[in-house]
Amino acid sequence: MVDQAIDLFQALRSESARRFCAYLQTHRARIPNYDYYQSEGIPIGSGPAESWIKQIDQRLQLTGAQWLPRNVPQMLALRCRYLSDQLDLYSLSRR
């Protein structure tokens, strides 16, 4: 896809087009292949990720809770396991 875009813009022969082609060449490795992601059914928008982050954030903001930075990764791991139905609450209660 990057090569196709470069070919299209090089035909314009303007300074702006030249700079854009140089940008594409420089950042080629960082440009996502959105066609591939869409064909695999992977969302390409930021909406789903932002929604998940908000859900985790809301659940960590319990009334009266105080979080130490060193404890947050463990709580996030527990929350992720719970959301993915991989948390066995029975075995946790027996500890």
PDB file of N, CA and C in Angstrom:
ATOM      1  N   MET A   1       0.822  -1.197   0.000  1.00  0.00           N
ATOM      2  CA  MET A   1       0.000   0.000   0.000  1.00  0.00           C
ATOM      3  C   MET A   1       0.869   1.265   0.000  1.00  0.00           C
ATOM      4  N   VAL A   2       1.946   1.239   0.756  1.00  0.00           N
ATOM      5  CA  VAL A   2       2.815   2.411   0.817  1.00  0.00           C
ATOM      6  C   VAL A   2       3.415   2.680  -0.553  1.00  0.00           C
ATOM      7  N   ASP A   3       3.837   1.623  -1.221  1.00  0.00           N
ATOM      8  CA  ASP A   3       4.412   1.801  -2.559  1.00  0.00           C
ATOM      9  C   ASP A   3       3.401   2.394  -3.530  1.00  0.00           C
ATOM     10  N   GLN A   4       2.153   1.959  -3.421  1.00  0.00           N
ATOM     11  CA  GLN A   4       1.112   2.499  -4.303  1.00  0.00           C
ATOM     12  C   GLN A   4       0.896   3.988  -4.036  1.00  0.00           C
ATOM     13  N   ALA A   5       0.882   4.368  -2.772  1.00  0.00           N
ATOM     14  CA  ALA A   5       0.706   5.785  -2.426  1.00  0.00           C
ATOM     15  C   ALA A   5       1.876   6.605  -2.940  1.00  0.00           C
ATOM     16  N   ILE A   6       3.082   6.090  -2.780  1.00  0.00           N
ATOM     17  CA  ILE A   6       4.265   6.809  -3.265  1.00  0.00           C
ATOM     18  C   ILE A   6       4.181   6.991  -4.773  1.00  0.00           C
ATOM     19  N   ASP A   7       3.811   5.940  -5.482  1.00  0.00           N
ATOM     20  CA  ASP A   7       3.683   6.037  -6.942  1.00  0.00           C
ATOM     21  C   ASP A   7       2.684   7.117  -7.347  1.00  0.00           C
ATOM     22  N   LEU A   8       1.555   7.167  -6.643  1.00  0.00           N
ATOM     23  CA  LEU A   8       0.529   8.169  -6.972  1.00  0.00           C
ATOM     24  C   LEU A   8       1.038   9.597  -6.729  1.00  0.00           C
ATOM     25  N   PHE A   9       1.703   9.799  -5.602  1.00  0.00           N
ATOM     26  CA  PHE A   9       2.136  11.152  -5.268  1.00  0.00           C
ATOM     27  C   PHE A   9       3.369  11.584  -6.047  1.00  0.00           C
ATOM     28  N   GLN A  10       4.230  10.652  -6.409  1.00  0.00           N
ATOM     29  CA  GLN A  10       5.402  11.025  -7.204  1.00  0.00           C
ATOM     30  C   GLN A  10       4.986  11.560  -8.563  1.00  0.00           C
ATOM     31  N   ALA A  11       3.869  11.082  -9.070  1.00  0.00           N
ATOM     32  CA  ALA A  11       3.386  11.551 -10.366  1.00  0.00           C
ATOM     33  C   ALA A  11       2.993  13.027 -10.326  1.00  0.00           C
ATOM     34  N   LEU A  12       2.705  13.564  -9.127  1.00  0.00           N
ATOM     35  CA  LEU A  12       2.293  14.962  -9.005  1.00  0.00           C
ATOM     36  C   LEU A  12       3.465  15.930  -9.168  1.00  0.00           C
ATOM     37  N   ARG A  13       4.651  15.511  -8.800  1.00  0.00           N
ATOM     38  CA  ARG A  13       5.880  16.289  -8.969  1.00  0.00           C
ATOM     39  C   ARG A  13       5.871  17.644  -8.272  1.00  0.00           C
ATOM     40  N   SER A  14       5.095  17.802  -7.236  1.00  0.00           N
ATOM     41  CA  SER A  14       5.119  19.053  -6.465  1.00  0.00           C
ATOM     42  C   SER A  14       6.017  18.859  -5.243  1.00  0.00           C
ATOM     43  N   GLU A  15       6.417  19.971  -4.633  1.00  0.00           N
ATOM     44  CA  GLU A  15       7.266  19.908  -3.440  1.00  0.00           C
ATOM     45  C   GLU A  15       6.533  19.207  -2.296  1.00  0.00           C
ATOM     46  N   SER A  16       5.264  19.500  -2.130  1.00  0.00           N
ATOM     47  CA  SER A  16       4.480  18.855  -1.075  1.00  0.00           C
ATOM     48  C   SER A  16       4.412  17.347  -1.289  1.00  0.00           C
ATOM     49  N   ALA A  17       4.199  16.942  -2.525  1.00  0.00           N
ATOM     50  CA  ALA A  17       4.135  15.522  -2.844  1.00  0.00           C
ATOM     51  C   ALA A  17       5.489  14.863  -2.592  1.00  0.00           C
ATOM     52  N   ARG A  18       6.577  15.541  -2.933  1.00  0.00           N
ATOM     53  CA  ARG A  18       7.911  14.992  -2.699  1.00  0.00           C
ATOM     54  C   ARG A  18       8.164  14.795  -1.208  1.00  0.00           C
ATOM     55  N   ARG A  19       7.782  15.790  -0.392  1.00  0.00           N
ATOM     56  CA  ARG A  19       7.970  15.682   1.057  1.00  0.00           C
ATOM     57  C   ARG A  19       7.113  14.552   1.642  1.00  0.00           C
ATOM     58  N   PHE A  20       5.901  14.424   1.132  1.00  0.00           N
ATOM     59  CA  PHE A  20       5.035  13.356   1.622  1.00  0.00           C
ATOM     60  C   PHE A  20       5.619  11.981   1.273  1.00  0.00           C
ATOM     61  N   CYS A  21       6.144  11.836   0.075  1.00  0.00           N
ATOM     62  CA  CYS A  21       6.769  10.567  -0.319  1.00  0.00           C
ATOM     63  C   CYS A  21       7.981  10.268   0.559  1.00  0.00           C
ATOM     64  N   ALA A  22       8.758  11.290   0.872  1.00  0.00           N
ATOM     65  CA  ALA A  22       9.908  11.107   1.759  1.00  0.00           C
ATOM     66  C   ALA A  22       9.451  10.669   3.146  1.00  0.00           C
ATOM     67  N   TYR A  23       8.356  11.259   3.616  1.00  0.00           N
ATOM     68  CA  TYR A  23       7.792  10.874   4.916  1.00  0.00           C
ATOM     69  C   TYR A  23       7.380   9.408   4.891  1.00  0.00           C
ATOM     70  N   LEU A  24       6.681   9.003   3.828  1.00  0.00           N
ATOM     71  CA  LEU A  24       6.242   7.613   3.716  1.00  0.00           C
ATOM     72  C   LEU A  24       7.435   6.655   3.697  1.00  0.00           C
ATOM     73  N   GLN A  25       8.481   7.010   2.989  1.00  0.00           N
ATOM     74  CA  GLN A  25       9.684   6.165   2.941  1.00  0.00           C
ATOM     75  C   GLN A  25      10.322   6.045   4.311  1.00  0.00           C
ATOM     76  N   THR A  26      10.432   7.174   5.009  1.00  0.00           N
ATOM     77  CA  THR A  26      11.081   7.191   6.322  1.00  0.00           C
ATOM     78  C   THR A  26      10.303   6.378   7.350  1.00  0.00           C
ATOM     79  N   HIS A  27       8.986   6.465   7.317  1.00  0.00           N
ATOM     80  CA  HIS A  27       8.141   5.848   8.343  1.00  0.00           C
ATOM     81  C   HIS A  27       7.432   4.586   7.857  1.00  0.00           C
ATOM     82  N   ARG A  28       7.901   4.018   6.780  1.00  0.00           N
ATOM     83  CA  ARG A  28       7.281   2.850   6.159  1.00  0.00           C
ATOM     84  C   ARG A  28       7.017   1.724   7.170  1.00  0.00           C
ATOM     85  N   ALA A  29       7.971   1.436   8.028  1.00  0.00           N
ATOM     86  CA  ALA A  29       7.840   0.307   8.961  1.00  0.00           C
ATOM     87  C   ALA A  29       6.796   0.557  10.042  1.00  0.00           C
ATOM     88  N   ARG A  30       6.463   1.814  10.296  1.00  0.00           N
ATOM     89  CA  ARG A  30       5.505   2.133  11.357  1.00  0.00           C
ATOM     90  C   ARG A  30       4.079   2.331  10.856  1.00  0.00           C
ATOM     91  N   ILE A  31       3.873   2.293   9.562  1.00  0.00           N
ATOM     92  CA  ILE A  31       2.550   2.529   8.993  1.00  0.00           C
ATOM     93  C   ILE A  31       1.765   1.224   9.007  1.00  0.00           C
ATOM     94  N   PRO A  32       0.655   1.176   9.762  1.00  0.00           N
ATOM     95  CA  PRO A  32      -0.120  -0.071   9.861  1.00  0.00           C
ATOM     96  C   PRO A  32      -0.765  -0.453   8.527  1.00  0.00           C
ATOM     97  N   ASN A  33      -0.924  -1.738   8.330  1.00  0.00           N
ATOM     98  CA  ASN A  33      -1.617  -2.257   7.155  1.00  0.00           C
ATOM     99  C   ASN A  33      -3.093  -2.411   7.524  1.00  0.00           C
ATOM    100  N   TYR A  34      -3.848  -1.334   7.362  1.00  0.00           N
ATOM    101  CA  TYR A  34      -5.246  -1.328   7.783  1.00  0.00           C
ATOM    102  C   TYR A  34      -6.100  -2.316   7.004  1.00  0.00           C
ATOM    103  N   ASP A  35      -5.764  -2.568   5.750  1.00  0.00           N
ATOM    104  CA  ASP A  35      -6.514  -3.561   4.967  1.00  0.00           C
ATOM    105  C   ASP A  35      -6.416  -4.932   5.630  1.00  0.00           C
ATOM    106  N   TYR A  36      -5.209  -5.285   6.087  1.00  0.00           N
ATOM    107  CA  TYR A  36      -5.024  -6.583   6.749  1.00  0.00           C
ATOM    108  C   TYR A  36      -5.859  -6.650   8.023  1.00  0.00           C
ATOM    109  N   TYR A  37      -5.773  -5.608   8.864  1.00  0.00           N
ATOM    110  CA  TYR A  37      -6.516  -5.617  10.127  1.00  0.00           C
ATOM    111  C   TYR A  37      -8.019  -5.735   9.882  1.00  0.00           C
ATOM    112  N   GLN A  38      -8.522  -4.994   8.910  1.00  0.00           N
ATOM    113  CA  GLN A  38      -9.950  -5.062   8.614  1.00  0.00           C
ATOM    114  C   GLN A  38     -10.338  -6.439   8.084  1.00  0.00           C
ATOM    115  N   SER A  39      -9.502  -7.034   7.248  1.00  0.00           N
ATOM    116  CA  SER A  39      -9.827  -8.365   6.710  1.00  0.00           C
ATOM    117  C   SER A  39      -9.826  -9.424   7.810  1.00  0.00           C
ATOM    118  N   GLU A  40      -9.056  -9.203   8.880  1.00  0.00           N
ATOM    119  CA  GLU A  40      -9.009 -10.132  10.017  1.00  0.00           C
ATOM    120  C   GLU A  40     -10.087  -9.819  11.059  1.00  0.00           C
ATOM    121  N   GLY A  41     -10.851  -8.740  10.828  1.00  0.00           N
ATOM    122  CA  GLY A  41     -11.896  -8.359  11.768  1.00  0.00           C
ATOM    123  C   GLY A  41     -11.376  -7.665  13.014  1.00  0.00           C
ATOM    124  N   ILE A  42     -10.154  -7.146  12.938  1.00  0.00           N
ATOM    125  CA  ILE A  42      -9.542  -6.445  14.066  1.00  0.00           C
ATOM    126  C   ILE A  42      -9.949  -4.979  13.984  1.00  0.00           C
ATOM    127  N   PRO A  43     -10.525  -4.421  15.063  1.00  0.00           N
ATOM    128  CA  PRO A  43     -10.928  -3.013  15.017  1.00  0.00           C
ATOM    129  C   PRO A  43      -9.719  -2.097  14.836  1.00  0.00           C
ATOM    130  N   ILE A  44      -9.864  -1.085  13.988  1.00  0.00           N
ATOM    131  CA  ILE A  44      -8.753  -0.174  13.744  1.00  0.00           C
ATOM    132  C   ILE A  44      -8.965   1.181  14.407  1.00  0.00           C
ATOM    133  N   GLY A  45     -10.132   1.389  14.981  1.00  0.00           N
ATOM    134  CA  GLY A  45     -10.403   2.651  15.664  1.00  0.00           C
ATOM    135  C   GLY A  45      -9.939   2.600  17.107  1.00  0.00           C
ATOM    136  N   SER A  46      -9.855   3.757  17.730  1.00  0.00           N
ATOM    137  CA  SER A  46      -9.415   3.810  19.124  1.00  0.00           C
ATOM    138  C   SER A  46     -10.585   3.638  20.091  1.00  0.00           C
ATOM    139  N   GLY A  47     -11.800   3.649  19.599  1.00  0.00           N
ATOM    140  CA  GLY A  47     -12.978   3.558  20.452  1.00  0.00           C
ATOM    141  C   GLY A  47     -13.019   2.347  21.366  1.00  0.00           C
ATOM    142  N   PRO A  48     -12.847   1.123  20.833  1.00  0.00           N
ATOM    143  CA  PRO A  48     -12.899  -0.048  21.712  1.00  0.00           C
ATOM    144  C   PRO A  48     -11.832  -0.028  22.811  1.00  0.00           C
ATOM    145  N   ALA A  49     -10.609   0.356  22.460  1.00  0.00           N
ATOM    146  CA  ALA A  49      -9.540   0.395  23.473  1.00  0.00           C
ATOM    147  C   ALA A  49      -9.853   1.431  24.541  1.00  0.00           C
ATOM    148  N   GLU A  50     -10.333   2.601  24.127  1.00  0.00           N
ATOM    149  CA  GLU A  50     -10.678   3.635  25.101  1.00  0.00           C
ATOM    150  C   GLU A  50     -11.816   3.182  26.009  1.00  0.00           C
ATOM    151  N   SER A  51     -12.771   2.456  25.467  1.00  0.00           N
ATOM    152  CA  SER A  51     -13.880   1.944  26.262  1.00  0.00           C
ATOM    153  C   SER A  51     -13.389   0.945  27.304  1.00  0.00           C
ATOM    154  N   TRP A  52     -12.499   0.043  26.899  1.00  0.00           N
ATOM    155  CA  TRP A  52     -11.963  -0.949  27.843  1.00  0.00           C
ATOM    156  C   TRP A  52     -11.191  -0.256  28.969  1.00  0.00           C
ATOM    157  N   ILE A  53     -10.404   0.745  28.613  1.00  0.00           N
ATOM    158  CA  ILE A  53      -9.620   1.462  29.622  1.00  0.00           C
ATOM    159  C   ILE A  53     -10.545   2.149  30.619  1.00  0.00           C
ATOM    160  N   LYS A  54     -11.616   2.757  30.125  1.00  0.00           N
ATOM    161  CA  LYS A  54     -12.567   3.425  31.021  1.00  0.00           C
ATOM    162  C   LYS A  54     -13.232   2.423  31.962  1.00  0.00           C
ATOM    163  N   GLN A  55     -13.566   1.233  31.448  1.00  0.00           N
ATOM    164  CA  GLN A  55     -14.192   0.220  32.295  1.00  0.00           C
ATOM    165  C   GLN A  55     -13.248  -0.219  33.420  1.00  0.00           C
ATOM    166  N   ILE A  56     -12.006  -0.467  33.077  1.00  0.00           N
ATOM    167  CA  ILE A  56     -11.026  -0.870  34.091  1.00  0.00           C
ATOM    168  C   ILE A  56     -10.828   0.254  35.095  1.00  0.00           C
ATOM    169  N   ASP A  57     -10.715   1.487  34.599  1.00  0.00           N
ATOM    170  CA  ASP A  57     -10.509   2.646  35.472  1.00  0.00           C
ATOM    171  C   ASP A  57     -11.660   2.799  36.463  1.00  0.00           C
ATOM    172  N   GLN A  58     -12.893   2.661  35.989  1.00  0.00           N
ATOM    173  CA  GLN A  58     -14.058   2.811  36.869  1.00  0.00           C
ATOM    174  C   GLN A  58     -14.071   1.745  37.961  1.00  0.00           C
ATOM    175  N   ARG A  59     -13.674   0.553  37.618  1.00  0.00           N
ATOM    176  CA  ARG A  59     -13.707  -0.527  38.602  1.00  0.00           C
ATOM    177  C   ARG A  59     -12.574  -0.425  39.622  1.00  0.00           C
ATOM    178  N   LEU A  60     -11.510   0.263  39.261  1.00  0.00           N
ATOM    179  CA  LEU A  60     -10.411   0.449  40.208  1.00  0.00           C
ATOM    180  C   LEU A  60     -10.632   1.647  41.126  1.00  0.00           C
ATOM    181  N   GLN A  61     -11.610   2.476  40.823  1.00  0.00           N
ATOM    182  CA  GLN A  61     -11.873   3.661  41.633  1.00  0.00           C
ATOM    183  C   GLN A  61     -12.995   3.364  42.635  1.00  0.00           C
ATOM    184  N   LEU A  62     -12.725   2.471  43.529  1.00  0.00           N
ATOM    185  CA  LEU A  62     -13.696   2.117  44.555  1.00  0.00           C
ATOM    186  C   LEU A  62     -13.743   3.207  45.614  1.00  0.00           C
ATOM    187  N   THR A  63     -14.916   3.458  46.164  1.00  0.00           N
ATOM    188  CA  THR A  63     -15.073   4.473  47.192  1.00  0.00           C
ATOM    189  C   THR A  63     -14.202   4.129  48.390  1.00  0.00           C
ATOM    190  N   GLY A  64     -13.373   5.060  48.792  1.00  0.00           N
ATOM    191  CA  GLY A  64     -12.523   4.887  49.962  1.00  0.00           C
ATOM    192  C   GLY A  64     -11.249   4.102  49.711  1.00  0.00           C
ATOM    193  N   ALA A  65     -11.069   3.589  48.519  1.00  0.00           N
ATOM    194  CA  ALA A  65      -9.868   2.795  48.234  1.00  0.00           C
ATOM    195  C   ALA A  65      -8.681   3.713  47.975  1.00  0.00           C
ATOM    196  N   GLN A  66      -7.542   3.280  48.453  1.00  0.00           N
ATOM    197  CA  GLN A  66      -6.297   3.979  48.175  1.00  0.00           C
ATOM    198  C   GLN A  66      -5.349   2.975  47.537  1.00  0.00           C
ATOM    199  N   TRP A  67      -4.823   3.337  46.378  1.00  0.00           N
ATOM    200  CA  TRP A  67      -4.000   2.410  45.619  1.00  0.00           C
ATOM    201  C   TRP A  67      -2.543   2.821  45.672  1.00  0.00           C
ATOM    202  N   LEU A  68      -1.710   1.874  45.991  1.00  0.00           N
ATOM    203  CA  LEU A  68      -0.280   2.081  45.887  1.00  0.00           C
ATOM    204  C   LEU A  68       0.140   1.695  44.476  1.00  0.00           C
ATOM    205  N   PRO A  69       1.019   2.459  43.863  1.00  0.00           N
ATOM    206  CA  PRO A  69       1.423   2.134  42.485  1.00  0.00           C
ATOM    207  C   PRO A  69       1.894   0.688  42.315  1.00  0.00           C
ATOM    208  N   ARG A  70       2.532   0.118  43.332  1.00  0.00           N
ATOM    209  CA  ARG A  70       3.041  -1.248  43.190  1.00  0.00           C
ATOM    210  C   ARG A  70       1.910  -2.289  43.168  1.00  0.00           C
ATOM    211  N   ASN A  71       0.710  -1.925  43.628  1.00  0.00           N
ATOM    212  CA  ASN A  71      -0.409  -2.873  43.671  1.00  0.00           C
ATOM    213  C   ASN A  71      -1.287  -2.844  42.425  1.00  0.00           C
ATOM    214  N   VAL A  72      -1.176  -1.808  41.649  1.00  0.00           N
ATOM    215  CA  VAL A  72      -2.063  -1.665  40.483  1.00  0.00           C
ATOM    216  C   VAL A  72      -1.890  -2.803  39.467  1.00  0.00           C
ATOM    217  N   PRO A  73      -0.662  -3.223  39.115  1.00  0.00           N
ATOM    218  CA  PRO A  73      -0.550  -4.312  38.129  1.00  0.00           C
ATOM    219  C   PRO A  73      -1.261  -5.592  38.562  1.00  0.00           C
ATOM    220  N   GLN A  74      -1.199  -5.924  39.852  1.00  0.00           N
ATOM    221  CA  GLN A  74      -1.872  -7.134  40.320  1.00  0.00           C
ATOM    222  C   GLN A  74      -3.390  -6.991  40.198  1.00  0.00           C
ATOM    223  N   MET A  75      -3.911  -5.819  40.534  1.00  0.00           N
ATOM    224  CA  MET A  75      -5.350  -5.599  40.428  1.00  0.00           C
ATOM    225  C   MET A  75      -5.805  -5.638  38.973  1.00  0.00           C
ATOM    226  N   LEU A  76      -5.002  -5.068  38.090  1.00  0.00           N
ATOM    227  CA  LEU A  76      -5.355  -5.113  36.663  1.00  0.00           C
ATOM    228  C   LEU A  76      -5.338  -6.551  36.153  1.00  0.00           C
ATOM    229  N   ALA A  77      -4.364  -7.335  36.595  1.00  0.00           N
ATOM    230  CA  ALA A  77      -4.301  -8.740  36.171  1.00  0.00           C
ATOM    231  C   ALA A  77      -5.540  -9.495  36.654  1.00  0.00           C
ATOM    232  N   LEU A  78      -5.936  -9.261  37.905  1.00  0.00           N
ATOM    233  CA  LEU A  78      -7.150  -9.908  38.419  1.00  0.00           C
ATOM    234  C   LEU A  78      -8.373  -9.485  37.627  1.00  0.00           C
ATOM    235  N   ARG A  79      -8.466  -8.202  37.360  1.00  0.00           N
ATOM    236  CA  ARG A  79      -9.625  -7.683  36.623  1.00  0.00           C
ATOM    237  C   ARG A  79      -9.687  -8.278  35.216  1.00  0.00           C
ATOM    238  N   CYS A  80      -8.558  -8.369  34.559  1.00  0.00           N
ATOM    239  CA  CYS A  80      -8.527  -8.936  33.212  1.00  0.00           C
ATOM    240  C   CYS A  80      -8.929 -10.406  33.228  1.00  0.00           C
ATOM    241  N   ARG A  81      -8.463 -11.141  34.227  1.00  0.00           N
ATOM    242  CA  ARG A  81      -8.849 -12.552  34.340  1.00  0.00           C
ATOM    243  C   ARG A  81     -10.342 -12.679  34.596  1.00  0.00           C
ATOM    244  N   TYR A  82     -10.872 -11.807  35.435  1.00  0.00           N
ATOM    245  CA  TYR A  82     -12.312 -11.832  35.725  1.00  0.00           C
ATOM    246  C   TYR A  82     -13.120 -11.563  34.462  1.00  0.00           C
ATOM    247  N   LEU A  83     -12.746 -10.538  33.711  1.00  0.00           N
ATOM    248  CA  LEU A  83     -13.492 -10.164  32.503  1.00  0.00           C
ATOM    249  C   LEU A  83     -13.412 -11.248  31.431  1.00  0.00           C
ATOM    250  N   SER A  84     -12.341 -12.020  31.418  1.00  0.00           N
ATOM    251  CA  SER A  84     -12.199 -13.065  30.403  1.00  0.00           C
ATOM    252  C   SER A  84     -12.646 -14.432  30.924  1.00  0.00           C
ATOM    253  N   ASP A  85     -13.379 -14.434  32.051  1.00  0.00           N
ATOM    254  CA  ASP A  85     -13.895 -15.681  32.653  1.00  0.00           C
ATOM    255  C   ASP A  85     -12.793 -16.679  32.982  1.00  0.00           C
ATOM    256  N   GLN A  86     -11.622 -16.187  33.356  1.00  0.00           N
ATOM    257  CA  GLN A  86     -10.521 -17.066  33.725  1.00  0.00           C
ATOM    258  C   GLN A  86     -10.208 -16.989  35.223  1.00  0.00           C
ATOM    259  N   LEU A  87     -11.038 -16.311  35.986  1.00  0.00           N
ATOM    260  CA  LEU A  87     -10.799 -16.143  37.413  1.00  0.00           C
ATOM    261  C   LEU A  87     -11.651 -17.138  38.197  1.00  0.00           C
ATOM    262  N   ASP A  88     -10.990 -17.972  38.957  1.00  0.00           N
ATOM    263  CA  ASP A  88     -11.665 -18.952  39.784  1.00  0.00           C
ATOM    264  C   ASP A  88     -11.826 -18.361  41.179  1.00  0.00           C
ATOM    265  N   LEU A  89     -12.989 -17.764  41.454  1.00  0.00           N
ATOM    266  CA  LEU A  89     -13.207 -17.103  42.728  1.00  0.00           C
ATOM    267  C   LEU A  89     -13.227 -18.084  43.892  1.00  0.00           C
ATOM    268  N   TYR A  90     -13.630 -19.313  43.638  1.00  0.00           N
ATOM    269  CA  TYR A  90     -13.675 -20.322  44.701  1.00  0.00           C
ATOM    270  C   TYR A  90     -12.260 -20.611  45.225  1.00  0.00           C
ATOM    271  N   SER A  91     -11.314 -20.799  44.323  1.00  0.00           N
ATOM    272  CA  SER A  91      -9.956 -21.112  44.774  1.00  0.00           C
ATOM    273  C   SER A  91      -9.312 -19.913  45.454  1.00  0.00           C
ATOM    274  N   LEU A  92      -9.680 -18.700  45.059  1.00  0.00           N
ATOM    275  CA  LEU A  92      -9.152 -17.507  45.728  1.00  0.00           C
ATOM    276  C   LEU A  92      -9.684 -17.387  47.142  1.00  0.00           C
ATOM    277  N   SER A  93     -10.926 -17.755  47.369  1.00  0.00           N
ATOM    278  CA  SER A  93     -11.535 -17.623  48.701  1.00  0.00           C
ATOM    279  C   SER A  93     -10.997 -18.645  49.682  1.00  0.00           C
ATOM    280  N   ARG A  94     -10.398 -19.715  49.211  1.00  0.00           N
ATOM    281  CA  ARG A  94      -9.877 -20.768  50.083  1.00  0.00           C
ATOM    282  C   ARG A  94      -8.454 -20.503  50.523  1.00  0.00           C
ATOM    283  N   ARG A  95      -7.838 -19.462  50.057  1.00  0.00           N
ATOM    284  CA  ARG A  95      -6.441 -19.177  50.418  1.00  0.00           C
ATOM    285  C   ARG A  95      -6.350 -18.596  51.792  1.00  0.00           C
TER     286      ARG A  95
END
